[in-house]
Amino acid sequence: MEVTIHHVETHLSKLIELAEHGEEIVIARAGQAVVKMVAVPARPKRKLIGSAEGEIRVFDDSNVPEKSKDIAGSLNGSLPDDKH
């Protein structure tokens, strides 16, 4: 949408609302486009600590001492002992 500076002076609030809804407003002086008004993109919301609540499951046997040793060994680069 192209408007004159006079139109902007009298309808700024409405033009801002239109821009917020995706309309591109071009402001012209003496028939020449001089300014483009567009909405500022919304900033993404930051995830808060604990925002994954309910998405992570911990199984009952994850804190068993034997499992803890196996997990620690895996993290340190060694494999757990074979128990046949």
C-alpha atoms as a PDB file:
ATOM      1  CA  MET A   1       0.000   0.000   0.000  1.00  0.00           C
ATOM      2  CA  GLU A   2       1.375   3.418  -0.899  1.00  0.00           C
ATOM      3  CA  VAL A   3       0.314   6.474   1.079  1.00  0.00           C
ATOM      4  CA  THR A   4       1.273  10.136   1.275  1.00  0.00           C
ATOM      5  CA  ILE A   5       3.031  11.778   4.199  1.00  0.00           C
ATOM      6  CA  HIS A   6      -0.171  13.708   4.941  1.00  0.00           C
ATOM      7  CA  HIS A   7      -2.102  10.413   5.137  1.00  0.00           C
ATOM      8  CA  VAL A   8       0.516   9.039   7.575  1.00  0.00           C
ATOM      9  CA  GLU A   9       0.217  12.134   9.757  1.00  0.00           C
ATOM     10  CA  THR A  10      -3.527  11.634  10.126  1.00  0.00           C
ATOM     11  CA  HIS A  11      -3.727   7.805  10.191  1.00  0.00           C
ATOM     12  CA  LEU A  12      -0.494   6.603  11.790  1.00  0.00           C
ATOM     13  CA  SER A  13      -2.149   4.290  14.352  1.00  0.00           C
ATOM     14  CA  LYS A  14      -4.171   2.496  11.679  1.00  0.00           C
ATOM     15  CA  LEU A  15      -1.133   2.163   9.397  1.00  0.00           C
ATOM     16  CA  ILE A  16       0.921   0.666  12.241  1.00  0.00           C
ATOM     17  CA  GLU A  17      -1.852  -1.843  12.882  1.00  0.00           C
ATOM     18  CA  LEU A  18      -1.892  -2.798   9.189  1.00  0.00           C
ATOM     19  CA  ALA A  19       1.894  -3.251   9.207  1.00  0.00           C
ATOM     20  CA  GLU A  20       1.662  -5.455  12.309  1.00  0.00           C
ATOM     21  CA  HIS A  21      -0.679  -7.710  10.341  1.00  0.00           C
ATOM     22  CA  GLY A  22       1.774  -8.089   7.451  1.00  0.00           C
ATOM     23  CA  GLU A  23       0.897  -5.144   5.223  1.00  0.00           C
ATOM     24  CA  GLU A  24       3.860  -3.302   3.694  1.00  0.00           C
ATOM     25  CA  ILE A  25       3.280   0.457   3.825  1.00  0.00           C
ATOM     26  CA  VAL A  26       5.233   2.660   1.391  1.00  0.00           C
ATOM     27  CA  ILE A  27       5.280   6.357   2.192  1.00  0.00           C
ATOM     28  CA  ALA A  28       5.623   8.708  -0.772  1.00  0.00           C
ATOM     29  CA  ARG A  29       6.581  12.375  -1.031  1.00  0.00           C
ATOM     30  CA  ALA A  30       5.615  14.195  -4.220  1.00  0.00           C
ATOM     31  CA  GLY A  31       4.786  10.881  -5.869  1.00  0.00           C
ATOM     32  CA  GLN A  32       8.164   9.295  -5.055  1.00  0.00           C
ATOM     33  CA  ALA A  33       8.442   6.400  -2.595  1.00  0.00           C
ATOM     34  CA  VAL A  34      10.792   7.408   0.231  1.00  0.00           C
ATOM     35  CA  VAL A  35      10.094   5.072   3.173  1.00  0.00           C
ATOM     36  CA  LYS A  36       8.823   1.538   3.654  1.00  0.00           C
ATOM     37  CA  MET A  37       7.108   0.638   6.928  1.00  0.00           C
ATOM     38  CA  VAL A  38       7.020  -3.031   7.930  1.00  0.00           C
ATOM     39  CA  ALA A  39       6.492  -4.860  11.200  1.00  0.00           C
ATOM     40  CA  VAL A  40       9.488  -5.891  13.273  1.00  0.00           C
ATOM     41  CA  PRO A  41       9.668  -9.715  13.366  1.00  0.00           C
ATOM     42  CA  ALA A  42       8.688 -11.224  16.705  1.00  0.00           C
ATOM     43  CA  ARG A  43      11.597 -12.462  18.794  1.00  0.00           C
ATOM     44  CA  PRO A  44      11.545 -16.179  19.509  1.00  0.00           C
ATOM     45  CA  LYS A  45      10.649 -17.018  23.080  1.00  0.00           C
ATOM     46  CA  ARG A  46      13.482 -18.402  25.178  1.00  0.00           C
ATOM     47  CA  LYS A  47      12.977 -21.852  26.609  1.00  0.00           C
ATOM     48  CA  LEU A  48      13.005 -21.908  30.357  1.00  0.00           C
ATOM     49  CA  ILE A  49      14.728 -24.469  32.530  1.00  0.00           C
ATOM     50  CA  GLY A  50      12.274 -27.278  33.109  1.00  0.00           C
ATOM     51  CA  SER A  51      10.423 -26.662  29.870  1.00  0.00           C
ATOM     52  CA  ALA A  52      10.908 -30.342  28.882  1.00  0.00           C
ATOM     53  CA  GLU A  53       8.925 -31.517  31.901  1.00  0.00           C
ATOM     54  CA  GLY A  54       6.935 -34.608  30.983  1.00  0.00           C
ATOM     55  CA  GLU A  55       9.014 -35.273  27.864  1.00  0.00           C
ATOM     56  CA  ILE A  56      11.867 -37.142  29.592  1.00  0.00           C
ATOM     57  CA  ARG A  57      11.364 -40.541  31.204  1.00  0.00           C
ATOM     58  CA  VAL A  58      13.679 -42.069  33.790  1.00  0.00           C
ATOM     59  CA  PHE A  59      13.321 -45.807  34.253  1.00  0.00           C
ATOM     60  CA  ASP A  60      13.328 -47.413  37.699  1.00  0.00           C
ATOM     61  CA  ASP A  61      16.550 -49.380  37.112  1.00  0.00           C
ATOM     62  CA  SER A  62      18.612 -46.355  36.052  1.00  0.00           C
ATOM     63  CA  ASN A  63      19.938 -45.792  39.590  1.00  0.00           C
ATOM     64  CA  VAL A  64      20.943 -49.396  40.289  1.00  0.00           C
ATOM     65  CA  PRO A  65      24.661 -49.412  41.273  1.00  0.00           C
ATOM     66  CA  GLU A  66      25.627 -51.941  38.550  1.00  0.00           C
ATOM     67  CA  LYS A  67      23.940 -49.810  35.884  1.00  0.00           C
ATOM     68  CA  SER A  68      25.621 -46.680  37.215  1.00  0.00           C
ATOM     69  CA  LYS A  69      29.059 -48.338  36.848  1.00  0.00           C
ATOM     70  CA  ASP A  70      28.204 -49.437  33.300  1.00  0.00           C
ATOM     71  CA  ILE A  71      27.038 -45.962  32.365  1.00  0.00           C
ATOM     72  CA  ALA A  72      30.089 -44.300  33.943  1.00  0.00           C
ATOM     73  CA  GLY A  73      32.363 -46.751  32.096  1.00  0.00           C
ATOM     74  CA  SER A  74      30.628 -45.976  28.798  1.00  0.00           C
ATOM     75  CA  LEU A  75      31.086 -42.280  29.340  1.00  0.00           C
ATOM     76  CA  ASN A  76      34.779 -42.786  30.138  1.00  0.00           C
ATOM     77  CA  GLY A  77      35.353 -44.822  26.972  1.00  0.00           C
ATOM     78  CA  SER A  78      35.439 -48.315  28.445  1.00  0.00           C
ATOM     79  CA  LEU A  79      32.813 -50.959  27.842  1.00  0.00           C
ATOM     80  CA  PRO A  80      31.011 -52.787  30.674  1.00  0.00           C
ATOM     81  CA  ASP A  81      32.216 -56.266  31.638  1.00  0.00           C
ATOM     82  CA  ASP A  82      30.586 -59.169  29.815  1.00  0.00           C
ATOM     83  CA  LYS A  83      28.546 -61.191  32.278  1.00  0.00           C
ATOM     84  CA  HIS A  84      27.857 -64.621  30.782  1.00  0.00           C
END
